[in-house]
């Protein structure tokens, strides 16, 4: 079972890129972030024509998350997180696909930090961690995939000294991610590639992709029962080099059958 996560940075504007990638790689399940489309503008028919069922949680101009599944049923279990009834941002959707519970998330960026946006990031992180703990306690195979907007360690950033004051790399952010892992989650990429430089995001500026001046901010966290089935993982970094593409590359993992 191949599962991917991809911050598409505008699902309609990047639709040709998304469809080309789906056709070339054919993942079984895909978590998308930053749809930047309201509910009614999600390109359901084009996705369906590509062979995928879909559920989505849209929002005009900003945010938005979706889960796609190729010839598989998607049983939605949640959209949004508990803990703040006034939070209307579309950042989390969850479903069971082929016996695996999948949470697709787009964690707030948080810049400028410090400030209200950074406070919101940390509060959202807290609510997410509380929900993650409940999922872990269920004992079922769980995958939490998406754009976390977290640079976990210095290994995950080109010239990390430049990111010290950024919301993605501030001590509070890294501590929150570390505490989340401490619940019992496995960072799939680091389980298989503990010491390698691997990036998932390259800015549009200063030829970042050409220089491989990137960040690793898109992550797969696996529960113990999912981690035991992990076979492989990687980044389709060449997609970042395509025309009119997202500033993220798709990240994927494969799990062996139970």
Protein backbone atom coordinates (compact mmCIF):
# COMPACT_ATOMS: atom_id res chain seq x y z
CA UNK A 1 0.00 0.00 0.00
CA UNK A 2 1.57 3.26 -1.15
CA UNK A 3 0.49 6.43 0.65
CA UNK A 4 1.61 9.93 -0.34
CA UNK A 5 1.30 13.44 1.02
CA UNK A 6 1.54 16.52 -1.17
CA UNK A 7 1.10 20.22 -0.45
CA UNK A 8 -0.27 21.03 -3.89
CA UNK A 9 -0.31 24.83 -3.33
CA UNK A 10 -3.59 25.40 -5.19
CA UNK A 11 -5.42 22.29 -6.43
CA UNK A 12 -7.02 23.97 -9.44
CA UNK A 13 -4.03 26.04 -10.54
CA UNK A 14 -1.73 23.01 -10.25
CA UNK A 15 -4.25 20.41 -11.48
CA UNK A 16 -2.20 19.41 -14.58
CA UNK A 17 0.82 18.76 -12.33
CA UNK A 18 -1.27 16.78 -9.83
CA UNK A 19 -2.89 14.63 -12.53
CA UNK A 20 0.45 13.97 -14.24
CA UNK A 21 2.01 12.91 -10.94
CA UNK A 22 -0.96 10.65 -10.08
CA UNK A 23 -0.73 8.97 -13.47
CA UNK A 24 3.03 8.45 -13.29
CA UNK A 25 3.26 7.19 -9.68
CA UNK A 26 -0.24 5.80 -8.92
CA UNK A 27 -0.21 5.96 -5.12
CA UNK A 28 -3.07 4.11 -3.42
CA UNK A 29 -3.84 6.98 -1.04
CA UNK A 30 -2.95 10.67 -1.27
CA UNK A 31 -3.21 13.39 1.37
CA UNK A 32 -3.37 16.87 -0.19
CA UNK A 33 -2.86 20.19 1.56
CA UNK A 34 -3.32 23.85 0.67
CA UNK A 35 -6.17 23.26 -1.77
CA UNK A 36 -6.95 27.01 -1.78
CA UNK A 37 -10.46 26.21 -3.02
CA UNK A 38 -13.93 26.36 -1.46
CA UNK A 39 -15.92 23.13 -1.15
CA UNK A 40 -17.78 23.56 -4.43
CA UNK A 41 -14.63 24.34 -6.44
CA UNK A 42 -12.77 21.09 -5.68
CA UNK A 43 -12.05 19.34 -9.03
CA UNK A 44 -13.90 16.16 -8.07
CA UNK A 45 -14.65 15.01 -11.63
CA UNK A 46 -11.05 15.37 -12.84
CA UNK A 47 -9.83 13.44 -9.80
CA UNK A 48 -12.49 10.77 -10.39
CA UNK A 49 -11.51 10.50 -14.06
CA UNK A 50 -7.95 9.84 -12.87
CA UNK A 51 -9.26 6.83 -10.93
CA UNK A 52 -9.52 8.32 -7.44
CA UNK A 53 -12.31 8.71 -4.93
CA UNK A 54 -11.97 11.84 -2.80
CA UNK A 55 -13.12 13.60 0.34
CA UNK A 56 -12.14 17.19 1.03
CA UNK A 57 -12.47 20.06 3.48
CA UNK A 58 -12.17 23.26 1.48
CA UNK A 59 -11.85 26.95 2.24
CA UNK A 60 -11.88 29.95 -0.09
CA UNK A 61 -8.40 31.22 -1.02
CA UNK A 62 -6.59 29.50 1.88
CA UNK A 63 -5.79 26.16 3.50
CA UNK A 64 -7.88 23.11 2.57
CA UNK A 65 -7.13 19.39 2.90
CA UNK A 66 -8.23 16.27 1.01
CA UNK A 67 -7.78 12.51 0.97
CA UNK A 68 -7.78 10.60 -2.32
CA UNK A 69 -7.93 6.81 -2.73
CA UNK A 70 -7.42 4.79 -5.90
CA UNK A 71 -10.20 2.22 -6.28
CA UNK A 72 -10.64 2.11 -2.51
CA UNK A 73 -13.46 3.20 -0.23
CA UNK A 74 -12.85 6.24 1.97
CA UNK A 75 -14.69 6.21 5.30
CA UNK A 76 -14.50 9.74 6.67
CA UNK A 77 -14.33 9.95 10.47
CA UNK A 78 -13.55 13.59 11.19
CA UNK A 79 -12.89 17.06 9.82
CA UNK A 80 -11.38 19.67 12.10
CA UNK A 81 -10.09 19.29 15.65
CA UNK A 82 -11.75 19.60 19.05
CA UNK A 83 -10.83 22.34 21.49
CA UNK A 84 -11.71 25.56 19.68
CA UNK A 85 -15.26 25.90 18.28
CA UNK A 86 -14.35 29.28 16.78
CA UNK A 87 -11.54 27.85 14.63
CA UNK A 88 -12.96 27.72 11.09
CA UNK A 89 -9.72 27.07 9.21
CA UNK A 90 -9.75 23.92 7.06
CA UNK A 91 -6.64 22.13 8.27
CA UNK A 92 -7.54 18.54 9.23
CA UNK A 93 -9.49 15.67 7.70
CA UNK A 94 -9.45 12.02 8.72
CA UNK A 95 -10.65 8.75 7.23
CA UNK A 96 -10.13 5.00 7.22
CA UNK A 97 -8.86 3.51 3.95
CA UNK A 98 -8.10 -0.18 3.57
CA UNK A 99 -7.99 -0.72 7.33
CA UNK A 100 -5.60 2.18 8.03
CA UNK A 101 -6.77 5.37 9.75
CA UNK A 102 -5.27 8.36 7.96
CA UNK A 103 -5.16 11.91 9.29
CA UNK A 104 -4.31 14.57 6.72
CA UNK A 105 -3.13 17.86 8.22
CA UNK A 106 -1.93 21.30 7.27
CA UNK A 107 -0.39 22.76 10.43
CA UNK A 108 -0.31 26.57 10.63
CA UNK A 109 2.83 28.33 9.39
CA UNK A 110 2.95 30.67 12.40
CA UNK A 111 4.95 33.56 10.95
CA UNK A 112 5.66 36.24 11.95
CA UNK A 113 6.86 34.92 15.29
CA UNK A 114 6.36 35.89 18.01
CA UNK A 115 2.82 37.14 17.49
CA UNK A 116 -0.83 36.04 17.17
CA UNK A 117 -0.13 33.72 14.22
CA UNK A 118 2.58 31.92 16.16
CA UNK A 119 0.28 31.63 19.17
CA UNK A 120 -2.36 30.06 16.92
CA UNK A 121 0.23 27.61 15.54
CA UNK A 122 1.17 26.42 19.03
CA UNK A 123 -2.46 26.21 20.15
CA UNK A 124 -3.40 24.21 17.06
CA UNK A 125 -0.40 21.94 17.68
CA UNK A 126 -1.62 21.35 21.25
CA UNK A 127 -5.10 20.40 20.04
CA UNK A 128 -3.62 18.14 17.38
CA UNK A 129 -1.36 16.40 19.92
CA UNK A 130 -4.33 15.76 22.20
CA UNK A 131 -6.22 14.14 19.33
CA UNK A 132 -3.14 12.18 18.25
CA UNK A 133 -2.83 10.71 21.74
CA UNK A 134 -6.40 9.39 21.49
CA UNK A 135 -5.71 7.85 18.10
CA UNK A 136 -2.58 6.18 19.43
CA UNK A 137 -4.51 4.70 22.35
CA UNK A 138 -6.90 3.01 19.91
CA UNK A 139 -4.19 0.53 18.87
CA UNK A 140 -5.24 0.63 15.21
CA UNK A 141 -2.75 1.41 12.41
CA UNK A 142 -2.68 5.23 12.19
CA UNK A 143 -0.83 7.53 9.78
CA UNK A 144 -0.68 11.28 10.37
CA UNK A 145 0.55 12.81 7.13
CA UNK A 146 0.87 16.32 5.82
CA UNK A 147 2.59 19.66 5.84
CA UNK A 148 3.54 20.13 9.49
CA UNK A 149 5.39 23.41 8.90
CA UNK A 150 8.02 22.07 11.29
CA UNK A 151 11.76 21.76 10.66
CA UNK A 152 12.50 19.09 13.30
CA UNK A 153 16.32 19.30 13.42
CA UNK A 154 19.26 21.11 11.83
CA UNK A 155 19.63 18.18 9.42
CA UNK A 156 16.24 19.16 7.96
CA UNK A 157 17.24 22.63 6.74
CA UNK A 158 19.76 24.01 4.28
CA UNK A 159 21.78 26.51 6.36
CA UNK A 160 19.70 26.07 9.54
CA UNK A 161 21.28 29.16 11.11
CA UNK A 162 19.14 31.26 8.77
CA UNK A 163 15.95 29.79 10.23
CA UNK A 164 16.58 30.33 13.94
CA UNK A 165 13.89 33.02 14.35
CA UNK A 166 11.41 31.46 11.92
CA UNK A 167 8.18 29.94 13.28
CA UNK A 168 9.02 26.63 11.57
CA UNK A 169 12.28 26.25 13.50
CA UNK A 170 11.77 28.14 16.76
CA UNK A 171 12.47 26.09 19.92
CA UNK A 172 8.77 26.03 20.88
CA UNK A 173 7.84 24.48 17.52
CA UNK A 174 10.55 21.84 17.60
CA UNK A 175 9.70 21.02 21.22
CA UNK A 176 6.03 20.52 20.30
CA UNK A 177 7.04 18.13 17.50
CA UNK A 178 9.43 16.29 19.79
CA UNK A 179 6.71 15.90 22.41
CA UNK A 180 4.34 14.58 19.77
CA UNK A 181 6.87 11.93 18.73
CA UNK A 182 7.37 11.03 22.38
CA UNK A 183 3.76 9.83 22.53
CA UNK A 184 4.95 6.86 20.50
CA UNK A 185 4.89 8.03 16.88
CA UNK A 186 7.59 7.14 14.32
CA UNK A 187 8.92 9.68 11.81
CA UNK A 188 8.91 7.39 8.73
CA UNK A 189 11.65 9.18 6.78
CA UNK A 190 14.01 9.26 9.76
CA UNK A 191 13.33 5.63 10.63
CA UNK A 192 14.63 4.59 7.20
CA UNK A 193 17.11 7.43 6.60
CA UNK A 194 18.33 8.59 10.01
CA UNK A 195 21.30 10.63 8.79
CA UNK A 196 20.52 11.62 5.21
CA UNK A 197 19.80 15.14 3.96
CA UNK A 198 16.25 14.92 2.60
CA UNK A 199 14.11 17.93 1.70
CA UNK A 200 10.42 18.20 0.78
CA UNK A 201 10.15 21.97 0.14
CA UNK A 202 12.17 24.36 -2.01
CA UNK A 203 11.27 28.05 -2.13
CA UNK A 204 10.46 29.73 -5.46
CA UNK A 205 13.17 32.33 -4.82
CA UNK A 206 16.95 32.37 -5.36
CA UNK A 207 16.96 29.14 -7.41
CA UNK A 208 16.39 27.16 -4.21
CA UNK A 209 15.45 23.97 -6.05
CA UNK A 210 18.42 24.18 -8.40
CA UNK A 211 20.77 24.64 -5.44
CA UNK A 212 18.92 22.04 -3.34
CA UNK A 213 18.47 24.73 -0.68
CA UNK A 214 15.45 23.08 0.89
CA UNK A 215 13.59 22.14 4.04
CA UNK A 216 12.00 18.94 5.31
CA UNK A 217 8.60 20.05 6.60
CA UNK A 218 6.22 17.41 5.18
CA UNK A 219 6.11 14.39 7.47
CA UNK A 220 4.62 10.95 7.99
CA UNK A 221 4.09 9.97 11.63
CA UNK A 222 3.19 6.32 12.12
CA UNK A 223 1.64 4.51 15.07
CA UNK A 224 3.51 1.37 16.22
CA UNK A 225 1.23 -0.99 14.27
CA UNK A 226 1.74 1.08 11.11
CA UNK A 227 5.48 1.54 11.69
CA UNK A 228 5.94 -2.22 11.87
CA UNK A 229 4.61 -2.45 8.30
CA UNK A 230 6.85 0.30 6.85
CA UNK A 231 8.84 -0.92 3.84
CA UNK A 232 10.07 2.17 2.04
CA UNK A 233 9.76 5.96 1.85
CA UNK A 234 10.93 8.79 -0.35
CA UNK A 235 10.35 12.16 -1.99
CA UNK A 236 9.39 12.62 -5.64
CA UNK A 237 11.66 15.65 -5.79
CA UNK A 238 11.68 15.81 -9.59
CA UNK A 239 8.04 16.98 -9.48
CA UNK A 240 9.31 20.21 -7.92
CA UNK A 241 11.18 20.83 -11.18
CA UNK A 242 8.09 20.59 -13.38
CA UNK A 243 6.52 23.67 -14.96
CA UNK A 244 3.97 25.61 -12.86
CA UNK A 245 4.50 23.23 -9.96
CA UNK A 246 4.09 23.51 -6.18
CA UNK A 247 7.02 24.58 -4.00
CA UNK A 248 6.68 21.20 -2.24
CA UNK A 249 7.52 17.76 -3.57
CA UNK A 250 5.27 14.75 -2.94
CA UNK A 251 6.43 12.49 -0.09
CA UNK A 252 5.44 8.82 0.06
CA UNK A 253 5.69 5.63 2.07
CA UNK A 254 4.82 2.02 1.36
CA UNK A 255 3.38 -0.41 3.89
CA UNK A 256 3.36 -4.19 3.58
CA UNK A 257 0.02 -5.95 3.80
CA UNK A 258 -1.09 -7.20 7.20
